[in-house]
């Protein structure tokens, strides 16, 4: 039986990563943990986020996963130096996202739209500067977006107005490449493109993590599934009225099992 790839996020945002990865690697099985009971992570301290993350690492280890993907920018920001958990490879979203942005930008002006915790950590700015000191970074916290997405308001006019305010600094700075520094934000990709007049390249966590996994498989650092198709198991720490509905909308037509768990 093939081992699954573990993925975790504070809520449903990481499902955008899960969708991309499951389409990119149809033979692979995935075990997703959504920490609904404790979301959002974006307004919590680094110490609290790390405590939650280590609890989830242990849970996923007990599910016998072969890799752990931190599909949460807030959590990634406090696990930047962690590349292994008891022999299980661990991947964050910040380093590959940074490298993707730097490979695309033409004017060396990169924007980061993220949660308060992610922006406050300076993880993206520091990572970008470590690879390219000359690059100008504009980083803006957008704490209202995660609750709006979790509420299913991605197409609401209120969300559009909030986004317009958050995106204004990037337009003023003439940013040409924008890192969507939260896995919830790809749900808003269409609106973001419209509000930025289609002039910014958008970097999504799912796409850059797919490239990371592809390289890991090619190098033999993680063994690819030998047979398929794979399965998707979603574990959540709380079951809200609309989570299953939104999960079906995001993952359609892929099938999955949904289980409430205690960590």
C-alpha atoms as a PDB file:
ATOM      1  CA  UNK A   1       0.000   0.000   0.000  1.00  0.00           C
ATOM      2  CA  UNK A   2       1.347   3.420  -0.963  1.00  0.00           C
ATOM      3  CA  UNK A   3       2.133   5.863   1.827  1.00  0.00           C
ATOM      4  CA  UNK A   4       0.226   9.128   1.730  1.00  0.00           C
ATOM      5  CA  UNK A   5       1.606  12.653   1.580  1.00  0.00           C
ATOM      6  CA  UNK A   6       0.527  14.682   4.601  1.00  0.00           C
ATOM      7  CA  UNK A   7      -0.712  18.249   4.175  1.00  0.00           C
ATOM      8  CA  UNK A   8      -1.926  20.617   6.854  1.00  0.00           C
ATOM      9  CA  UNK A   9      -3.437  24.074   7.154  1.00  0.00           C
ATOM     10  CA  UNK A  10      -5.437  25.966   9.739  1.00  0.00           C
ATOM     11  CA  UNK A  11      -8.602  25.646   7.662  1.00  0.00           C
ATOM     12  CA  UNK A  12      -9.832  25.025   4.144  1.00  0.00           C
ATOM     13  CA  UNK A  13      -7.254  27.224   2.385  1.00  0.00           C
ATOM     14  CA  UNK A  14      -4.817  24.346   2.087  1.00  0.00           C
ATOM     15  CA  UNK A  15      -7.394  22.530  -0.021  1.00  0.00           C
ATOM     16  CA  UNK A  16      -6.217  24.745  -2.904  1.00  0.00           C
ATOM     17  CA  UNK A  17      -2.794  23.110  -2.473  1.00  0.00           C
ATOM     18  CA  UNK A  18      -4.348  19.656  -2.130  1.00  0.00           C
ATOM     19  CA  UNK A  19      -6.316  20.146  -5.345  1.00  0.00           C
ATOM     20  CA  UNK A  20      -3.229  21.143  -7.334  1.00  0.00           C
ATOM     21  CA  UNK A  21      -1.095  18.327  -5.941  1.00  0.00           C
ATOM     22  CA  UNK A  22      -3.727  15.617  -6.377  1.00  0.00           C
ATOM     23  CA  UNK A  23      -4.195  16.663 -10.013  1.00  0.00           C
ATOM     24  CA  UNK A  24      -0.448  16.821 -10.608  1.00  0.00           C
ATOM     25  CA  UNK A  25       0.159  13.407  -9.017  1.00  0.00           C
ATOM     26  CA  UNK A  26      -2.983  11.300  -9.497  1.00  0.00           C
ATOM     27  CA  UNK A  27      -1.276   8.125  -8.285  1.00  0.00           C
ATOM     28  CA  UNK A  28      -0.451   9.665  -4.912  1.00  0.00           C
ATOM     29  CA  UNK A  29      -2.640   9.443  -1.821  1.00  0.00           C
ATOM     30  CA  UNK A  30      -3.057  12.456   0.447  1.00  0.00           C
ATOM     31  CA  UNK A  31      -3.904  12.901   4.109  1.00  0.00           C
ATOM     32  CA  UNK A  32      -5.058  16.467   4.781  1.00  0.00           C
ATOM     33  CA  UNK A  33      -5.453  17.938   8.253  1.00  0.00           C
ATOM     34  CA  UNK A  34      -7.531  21.110   8.591  1.00  0.00           C
ATOM     35  CA  UNK A  35      -7.229  22.606  12.072  1.00  0.00           C
ATOM     36  CA  UNK A  36     -10.660  24.243  11.903  1.00  0.00           C
ATOM     37  CA  UNK A  37     -11.096  24.318  15.690  1.00  0.00           C
ATOM     38  CA  UNK A  38      -8.132  26.682  16.119  1.00  0.00           C
ATOM     39  CA  UNK A  39      -8.219  28.847  13.008  1.00  0.00           C
ATOM     40  CA  UNK A  40      -7.151  31.395  12.054  1.00  0.00           C
ATOM     41  CA  UNK A  41      -3.430  30.999  12.739  1.00  0.00           C
ATOM     42  CA  UNK A  42      -2.708  34.410  11.260  1.00  0.00           C
ATOM     43  CA  UNK A  43      -3.505  36.354  14.435  1.00  0.00           C
ATOM     44  CA  UNK A  44      -1.684  34.036  16.853  1.00  0.00           C
ATOM     45  CA  UNK A  45       1.810  34.236  18.321  1.00  0.00           C
ATOM     46  CA  UNK A  46       4.731  32.277  16.804  1.00  0.00           C
ATOM     47  CA  UNK A  47       4.936  30.196  19.996  1.00  0.00           C
ATOM     48  CA  UNK A  48       1.282  29.158  19.753  1.00  0.00           C
ATOM     49  CA  UNK A  49       1.523  28.399  16.037  1.00  0.00           C
ATOM     50  CA  UNK A  50       4.610  26.255  16.603  1.00  0.00           C
ATOM     51  CA  UNK A  51       2.888  24.327  19.400  1.00  0.00           C
ATOM     52  CA  UNK A  52      -0.085  23.595  17.128  1.00  0.00           C
ATOM     53  CA  UNK A  53       2.219  22.646  14.261  1.00  0.00           C
ATOM     54  CA  UNK A  54       4.199  20.132  16.309  1.00  0.00           C
ATOM     55  CA  UNK A  55       0.964  18.508  17.474  1.00  0.00           C
ATOM     56  CA  UNK A  56      -0.100  18.164  13.846  1.00  0.00           C
ATOM     57  CA  UNK A  57       3.314  16.794  12.809  1.00  0.00           C
ATOM     58  CA  UNK A  58       2.887  14.071  15.411  1.00  0.00           C
ATOM     59  CA  UNK A  59      -0.655  13.306  14.259  1.00  0.00           C
ATOM     60  CA  UNK A  60       0.446  13.010  10.621  1.00  0.00           C
ATOM     61  CA  UNK A  61       3.435  10.858  11.616  1.00  0.00           C
ATOM     62  CA  UNK A  62       0.969   8.471  13.246  1.00  0.00           C
ATOM     63  CA  UNK A  63      -0.899   8.330   9.923  1.00  0.00           C
ATOM     64  CA  UNK A  64       2.312   6.908   8.411  1.00  0.00           C
ATOM     65  CA  UNK A  65       2.814   9.705   5.874  1.00  0.00           C
ATOM     66  CA  UNK A  66       5.999   9.826   3.770  1.00  0.00           C
ATOM     67  CA  UNK A  67       6.233  13.638   3.664  1.00  0.00           C
ATOM     68  CA  UNK A  68       4.647  16.598   5.433  1.00  0.00           C
ATOM     69  CA  UNK A  69       3.695  19.742   3.542  1.00  0.00           C
ATOM     70  CA  UNK A  70       2.966  22.848   5.599  1.00  0.00           C
ATOM     71  CA  UNK A  71       0.245  24.333   3.393  1.00  0.00           C
ATOM     72  CA  UNK A  72      -0.050  27.314   5.707  1.00  0.00           C
ATOM     73  CA  UNK A  73       2.089  30.407   5.355  1.00  0.00           C
ATOM     74  CA  UNK A  74       1.649  31.425   8.997  1.00  0.00           C
ATOM     75  CA  UNK A  75       2.896  28.008  10.135  1.00  0.00           C
ATOM     76  CA  UNK A  76       5.622  27.933   7.484  1.00  0.00           C
ATOM     77  CA  UNK A  77       6.993  31.197   8.867  1.00  0.00           C
ATOM     78  CA  UNK A  78       7.788  29.531  12.219  1.00  0.00           C
ATOM     79  CA  UNK A  79       9.081  26.265  10.719  1.00  0.00           C
ATOM     80  CA  UNK A  80      11.527  27.741   8.203  1.00  0.00           C
ATOM     81  CA  UNK A  81      14.479  25.802   9.667  1.00  0.00           C
ATOM     82  CA  UNK A  82      12.609  22.500  10.064  1.00  0.00           C
ATOM     83  CA  UNK A  83      13.244  20.139   7.156  1.00  0.00           C
ATOM     84  CA  UNK A  84      12.637  16.827   8.913  1.00  0.00           C
ATOM     85  CA  UNK A  85      10.385  15.377  11.596  1.00  0.00           C
ATOM     86  CA  UNK A  86      11.523  11.980  12.921  1.00  0.00           C
ATOM     87  CA  UNK A  87      12.777  11.011   9.473  1.00  0.00           C
ATOM     88  CA  UNK A  88       9.809  12.462   7.570  1.00  0.00           C
ATOM     89  CA  UNK A  89      10.723  15.256   5.099  1.00  0.00           C
ATOM     90  CA  UNK A  90       8.984  18.568   5.887  1.00  0.00           C
ATOM     91  CA  UNK A  91       8.340  21.279   3.281  1.00  0.00           C
ATOM     92  CA  UNK A  92       7.232  24.853   3.837  1.00  0.00           C
ATOM     93  CA  UNK A  93       5.623  27.127   1.240  1.00  0.00           C
ATOM     94  CA  UNK A  94       7.827  30.191   1.701  1.00  0.00           C
ATOM     95  CA  UNK A  95      11.145  29.137   0.159  1.00  0.00           C
ATOM     96  CA  UNK A  96       9.720  27.703  -3.097  1.00  0.00           C
ATOM     97  CA  UNK A  97       7.287  30.628  -3.348  1.00  0.00           C
ATOM     98  CA  UNK A  98      10.162  33.078  -3.030  1.00  0.00           C
ATOM     99  CA  UNK A  99      12.240  31.305  -5.665  1.00  0.00           C
ATOM    100  CA  UNK A 100       9.292  31.211  -8.065  1.00  0.00           C
ATOM    101  CA  UNK A 101       8.638  34.950  -7.640  1.00  0.00           C
ATOM    102  CA  UNK A 102      12.284  35.868  -8.223  1.00  0.00           C
ATOM    103  CA  UNK A 103      12.395  33.755 -11.380  1.00  0.00           C
ATOM    104  CA  UNK A 104       9.382  35.621 -12.807  1.00  0.00           C
ATOM    105  CA  UNK A 105       9.738  39.278 -11.798  1.00  0.00           C
ATOM    106  CA  UNK A 106      11.024  41.565 -14.525  1.00  0.00           C
ATOM    107  CA  UNK A 107      11.349  44.808 -12.557  1.00  0.00           C
ATOM    108  CA  UNK A 108      12.586  43.322  -9.249  1.00  0.00           C
ATOM    109  CA  UNK A 109       9.501  44.551  -7.414  1.00  0.00           C
ATOM    110  CA  UNK A 110       7.800  41.708  -5.563  1.00  0.00           C
ATOM    111  CA  UNK A 111       4.718  41.932  -3.381  1.00  0.00           C
ATOM    112  CA  UNK A 112       3.625  39.667  -0.532  1.00  0.00           C
ATOM    113  CA  UNK A 113      -0.029  39.523   0.500  1.00  0.00           C
ATOM    114  CA  UNK A 114      -0.332  37.531   3.714  1.00  0.00           C
ATOM    115  CA  UNK A 115      -1.839  37.087   7.145  1.00  0.00           C
ATOM    116  CA  UNK A 116      -0.723  39.275  10.026  1.00  0.00           C
ATOM    117  CA  UNK A 117       1.481  36.480  11.428  1.00  0.00           C
ATOM    118  CA  UNK A 118       3.186  35.845   8.096  1.00  0.00           C
ATOM    119  CA  UNK A 119       3.894  39.504   7.398  1.00  0.00           C
ATOM    120  CA  UNK A 120       4.922  40.219  11.001  1.00  0.00           C
ATOM    121  CA  UNK A 121       7.453  37.368  10.867  1.00  0.00           C
ATOM    122  CA  UNK A 122       9.232  38.946   7.895  1.00  0.00           C
ATOM    123  CA  UNK A 123       9.801  35.425   6.556  1.00  0.00           C
ATOM    124  CA  UNK A 124       9.116  36.249   2.909  1.00  0.00           C
ATOM    125  CA  UNK A 125      11.004  39.548   2.957  1.00  0.00           C
ATOM    126  CA  UNK A 126      14.032  37.939   4.605  1.00  0.00           C
ATOM    127  CA  UNK A 127      13.937  34.982   2.238  1.00  0.00           C
ATOM    128  CA  UNK A 128      13.651  37.214  -0.845  1.00  0.00           C
ATOM    129  CA  UNK A 129      16.480  39.455   0.341  1.00  0.00           C
ATOM    130  CA  UNK A 130      18.704  36.442   1.053  1.00  0.00           C
ATOM    131  CA  UNK A 131      18.410  35.354  -2.578  1.00  0.00           C
ATOM    132  CA  UNK A 132      18.221  38.819  -4.174  1.00  0.00           C
ATOM    133  CA  UNK A 133      19.212  41.828  -2.028  1.00  0.00           C
ATOM    134  CA  UNK A 134      18.367  44.272  -4.819  1.00  0.00           C
ATOM    135  CA  UNK A 135      14.727  43.207  -5.037  1.00  0.00           C
ATOM    136  CA  UNK A 136      12.214  45.687  -3.633  1.00  0.00           C
ATOM    137  CA  UNK A 137       9.639  43.975  -1.418  1.00  0.00           C
ATOM    138  CA  UNK A 138       6.199  45.340  -0.561  1.00  0.00           C
ATOM    139  CA  UNK A 139       4.527  43.262   2.149  1.00  0.00           C
ATOM    140  CA  UNK A 140       0.978  43.891   3.329  1.00  0.00           C
ATOM    141  CA  UNK A 141      -1.087  42.080   5.973  1.00  0.00           C
ATOM    142  CA  UNK A 142      -4.672  41.254   5.015  1.00  0.00           C
ATOM    143  CA  UNK A 143      -6.299  39.776   8.149  1.00  0.00           C
ATOM    144  CA  UNK A 144      -9.890  40.019   6.901  1.00  0.00           C
ATOM    145  CA  UNK A 145      -9.469  37.735   3.890  1.00  0.00           C
ATOM    146  CA  UNK A 146      -9.247  34.352   5.629  1.00  0.00           C
ATOM    147  CA  UNK A 147     -12.534  34.795   7.551  1.00  0.00           C
ATOM    148  CA  UNK A 148     -14.249  35.969   4.350  1.00  0.00           C
ATOM    149  CA  UNK A 149     -13.071  32.913   2.411  1.00  0.00           C
ATOM    150  CA  UNK A 150     -13.954  30.551   5.270  1.00  0.00           C
ATOM    151  CA  UNK A 151     -17.417  32.129   5.337  1.00  0.00           C
ATOM    152  CA  UNK A 152     -17.843  31.385   1.627  1.00  0.00           C
ATOM    153  CA  UNK A 153     -17.900  35.075   0.654  1.00  0.00           C
ATOM    154  CA  UNK A 154     -15.228  34.848  -2.042  1.00  0.00           C
ATOM    155  CA  UNK A 155     -17.548  36.390  -4.654  1.00  0.00           C
ATOM    156  CA  UNK A 156     -19.260  38.906  -2.392  1.00  0.00           C
ATOM    157  CA  UNK A 157     -18.973  42.640  -3.075  1.00  0.00           C
ATOM    158  CA  UNK A 158     -17.737  43.173   0.492  1.00  0.00           C
ATOM    159  CA  UNK A 159     -14.741  40.935  -0.241  1.00  0.00           C
ATOM    160  CA  UNK A 160     -14.072  42.828  -3.453  1.00  0.00           C
ATOM    161  CA  UNK A 161     -14.011  46.159  -1.585  1.00  0.00           C
ATOM    162  CA  UNK A 162     -11.700  44.772   1.106  1.00  0.00           C
ATOM    163  CA  UNK A 163      -9.363  43.336  -1.533  1.00  0.00           C
ATOM    164  CA  UNK A 164      -9.233  46.639  -3.405  1.00  0.00           C
ATOM    165  CA  UNK A 165      -7.967  48.354  -0.243  1.00  0.00           C
ATOM    166  CA  UNK A 166      -5.381  45.665   0.476  1.00  0.00           C
ATOM    167  CA  UNK A 167      -4.082  45.666  -3.125  1.00  0.00           C
ATOM    168  CA  UNK A 168      -3.672  49.446  -3.429  1.00  0.00           C
ATOM    169  CA  UNK A 169      -0.100  49.525  -1.965  1.00  0.00           C
ATOM    170  CA  UNK A 170       1.091  46.938  -4.494  1.00  0.00           C
ATOM    171  CA  UNK A 171      -0.281  48.939  -7.394  1.00  0.00           C
ATOM    172  CA  UNK A 172       1.317  52.106  -6.005  1.00  0.00           C
ATOM    173  CA  UNK A 173       4.682  50.314  -5.713  1.00  0.00           C
ATOM    174  CA  UNK A 174       4.407  49.047  -9.315  1.00  0.00           C
ATOM    175  CA  UNK A 175       4.805  45.444  -8.178  1.00  0.00           C
ATOM    176  CA  UNK A 176       4.840  43.048 -11.140  1.00  0.00           C
ATOM    177  CA  UNK A 177       4.839  39.768  -9.186  1.00  0.00           C
ATOM    178  CA  UNK A 178       2.571  39.123  -6.206  1.00  0.00           C
ATOM    179  CA  UNK A 179       3.023  36.191  -3.834  1.00  0.00           C
ATOM    180  CA  UNK A 180      -0.312  34.985  -2.503  1.00  0.00           C
ATOM    181  CA  UNK A 181       1.092  34.411   0.969  1.00  0.00           C
ATOM    182  CA  UNK A 182      -1.833  32.423   2.312  1.00  0.00           C
ATOM    183  CA  UNK A 183      -3.342  29.263   0.848  1.00  0.00           C
ATOM    184  CA  UNK A 184      -6.829  30.749   1.167  1.00  0.00           C
ATOM    185  CA  UNK A 185      -6.010  33.486  -1.328  1.00  0.00           C
ATOM    186  CA  UNK A 186      -6.029  31.440  -4.583  1.00  0.00           C
ATOM    187  CA  UNK A 187      -9.802  31.191  -4.060  1.00  0.00           C
ATOM    188  CA  UNK A 188      -9.774  34.967  -4.720  1.00  0.00           C
ATOM    189  CA  UNK A 189      -7.390  34.790  -7.676  1.00  0.00           C
ATOM    190  CA  UNK A 190      -9.910  35.879 -10.290  1.00  0.00           C
ATOM    191  CA  UNK A 191     -10.902  38.989  -8.352  1.00  0.00           C
ATOM    192  CA  UNK A 192      -7.280  39.829  -7.572  1.00  0.00           C
ATOM    193  CA  UNK A 193      -6.406  39.675 -11.272  1.00  0.00           C
ATOM    194  CA  UNK A 194      -9.277  41.975 -12.131  1.00  0.00           C
ATOM    195  CA  UNK A 195      -8.429  44.494  -9.416  1.00  0.00           C
ATOM    196  CA  UNK A 196      -4.775  44.607 -10.492  1.00  0.00           C
ATOM    197  CA  UNK A 197      -5.733  45.020 -14.170  1.00  0.00           C
ATOM    198  CA  UNK A 198      -4.097  41.675 -15.015  1.00  0.00           C
ATOM    199  CA  UNK A 199      -0.687  43.345 -14.679  1.00  0.00           C
ATOM    200  CA  UNK A 200       0.708  41.200 -11.858  1.00  0.00           C
ATOM    201  CA  UNK A 201       1.929  37.631 -12.032  1.00  0.00           C
ATOM    202  CA  UNK A 202       0.436  35.674  -9.118  1.00  0.00           C
ATOM    203  CA  UNK A 203       2.443  33.050  -7.241  1.00  0.00           C
ATOM    204  CA  UNK A 204       0.335  30.244  -5.734  1.00  0.00           C
ATOM    205  CA  UNK A 205       1.550  27.775  -3.122  1.00  0.00           C
ATOM    206  CA  UNK A 206       0.056  24.739  -4.870  1.00  0.00           C
ATOM    207  CA  UNK A 207       1.970  25.259  -8.088  1.00  0.00           C
ATOM    208  CA  UNK A 208       5.347  25.840  -6.452  1.00  0.00           C
ATOM    209  CA  UNK A 209       4.881  22.871  -4.106  1.00  0.00           C
ATOM    210  CA  UNK A 210       4.039  20.654  -7.080  1.00  0.00           C
ATOM    211  CA  UNK A 211       7.401  21.581  -8.588  1.00  0.00           C
ATOM    212  CA  UNK A 212       9.108  20.864  -5.266  1.00  0.00           C
ATOM    213  CA  UNK A 213       7.537  17.400  -5.045  1.00  0.00           C
ATOM    214  CA  UNK A 214       8.335  16.681  -8.690  1.00  0.00           C
ATOM    215  CA  UNK A 215      12.001  17.370  -7.986  1.00  0.00           C
ATOM    216  CA  UNK A 216      11.923  15.231  -4.843  1.00  0.00           C
ATOM    217  CA  UNK A 217      10.473  12.306  -6.779  1.00  0.00           C
ATOM    218  CA  UNK A 218      12.986  12.725  -9.608  1.00  0.00           C
ATOM    219  CA  UNK A 219      15.921  12.806  -7.177  1.00  0.00           C
ATOM    220  CA  UNK A 220      14.603   9.755  -5.324  1.00  0.00           C
ATOM    221  CA  UNK A 221      14.397  11.652  -2.034  1.00  0.00           C
ATOM    222  CA  UNK A 222      10.730  10.675  -1.763  1.00  0.00           C
ATOM    223  CA  UNK A 223       9.464   7.503  -3.359  1.00  0.00           C
ATOM    224  CA  UNK A 224       6.680   8.135  -5.863  1.00  0.00           C
ATOM    225  CA  UNK A 225       3.561   5.969  -5.720  1.00  0.00           C
ATOM    226  CA  UNK A 226       4.010   2.905  -7.908  1.00  0.00           C
ATOM    227  CA  UNK A 227       0.321   2.350  -8.590  1.00  0.00           C
ATOM    228  CA  UNK A 228      -2.837   4.448  -8.589  1.00  0.00           C
ATOM    229  CA  UNK A 229      -5.215   6.040  -8.494  1.00  0.00           C
ATOM    230  CA  UNK A 230      -4.533   7.584  -5.108  1.00  0.00           C
ATOM    231  CA  UNK A 231      -7.068   8.505  -2.439  1.00  0.00           C
ATOM    232  CA  UNK A 232      -7.807  11.687  -0.504  1.00  0.00           C
ATOM    233  CA  UNK A 233      -8.597  11.633   3.197  1.00  0.00           C
ATOM    234  CA  UNK A 234      -9.483  14.904   4.892  1.00  0.00           C
ATOM    235  CA  UNK A 235      -9.241  15.109   8.673  1.00  0.00           C
ATOM    236  CA  UNK A 236     -10.612  18.186  10.448  1.00  0.00           C
ATOM    237  CA  UNK A 237     -10.582  19.219  14.090  1.00  0.00           C
ATOM    238  CA  UNK A 238     -14.070  20.716  13.903  1.00  0.00           C
ATOM    239  CA  UNK A 239     -16.937  20.223  11.470  1.00  0.00           C
ATOM    240  CA  UNK A 240     -18.617  23.480  10.499  1.00  0.00           C
ATOM    241  CA  UNK A 241     -21.872  23.688   8.580  1.00  0.00           C
ATOM    242  CA  UNK A 242     -20.301  24.880   5.356  1.00  0.00           C
ATOM    243  CA  UNK A 243     -16.872  23.177   5.361  1.00  0.00           C
ATOM    244  CA  UNK A 244     -18.005  20.044   3.521  1.00  0.00           C
ATOM    245  CA  UNK A 245     -19.890  22.144   0.958  1.00  0.00           C
ATOM    246  CA  UNK A 246     -16.887  24.357   0.287  1.00  0.00           C
ATOM    247  CA  UNK A 247     -14.539  21.350   0.189  1.00  0.00           C
ATOM    248  CA  UNK A 248     -16.709  19.722  -2.473  1.00  0.00           C
ATOM    249  CA  UNK A 249     -16.727  22.932  -4.503  1.00  0.00           C
ATOM    250  CA  UNK A 250     -12.944  23.330  -4.279  1.00  0.00           C
ATOM    251  CA  UNK A 251     -12.019  19.688  -4.962  1.00  0.00           C
ATOM    252  CA  UNK A 252     -14.706  18.788  -7.504  1.00  0.00           C
ATOM    253  CA  UNK A 253     -14.811  16.336  -9.227  1.00  0.00           C
ATOM    254  CA  UNK A 254     -12.312  14.539  -6.988  1.00  0.00           C
ATOM    255  CA  UNK A 255     -13.746  12.315  -4.270  1.00  0.00           C
ATOM    256  CA  UNK A 256     -12.604  12.323  -0.653  1.00  0.00           C
ATOM    257  CA  UNK A 257     -13.476  11.054   2.786  1.00  0.00           C
ATOM    258  CA  UNK A 258     -14.094  13.530   5.595  1.00  0.00           C
ATOM    259  CA  UNK A 259     -13.432  12.680   9.242  1.00  0.00           C
ATOM    260  CA  UNK A 260     -13.532  14.770  12.403  1.00  0.00           C
ATOM    261  CA  UNK A 261     -10.552  14.053  14.646  1.00  0.00           C
ATOM    262  CA  UNK A 262      -9.079  15.120  17.987  1.00  0.00           C
ATOM    263  CA  UNK A 263      -5.394  16.069  18.140  1.00  0.00           C
END
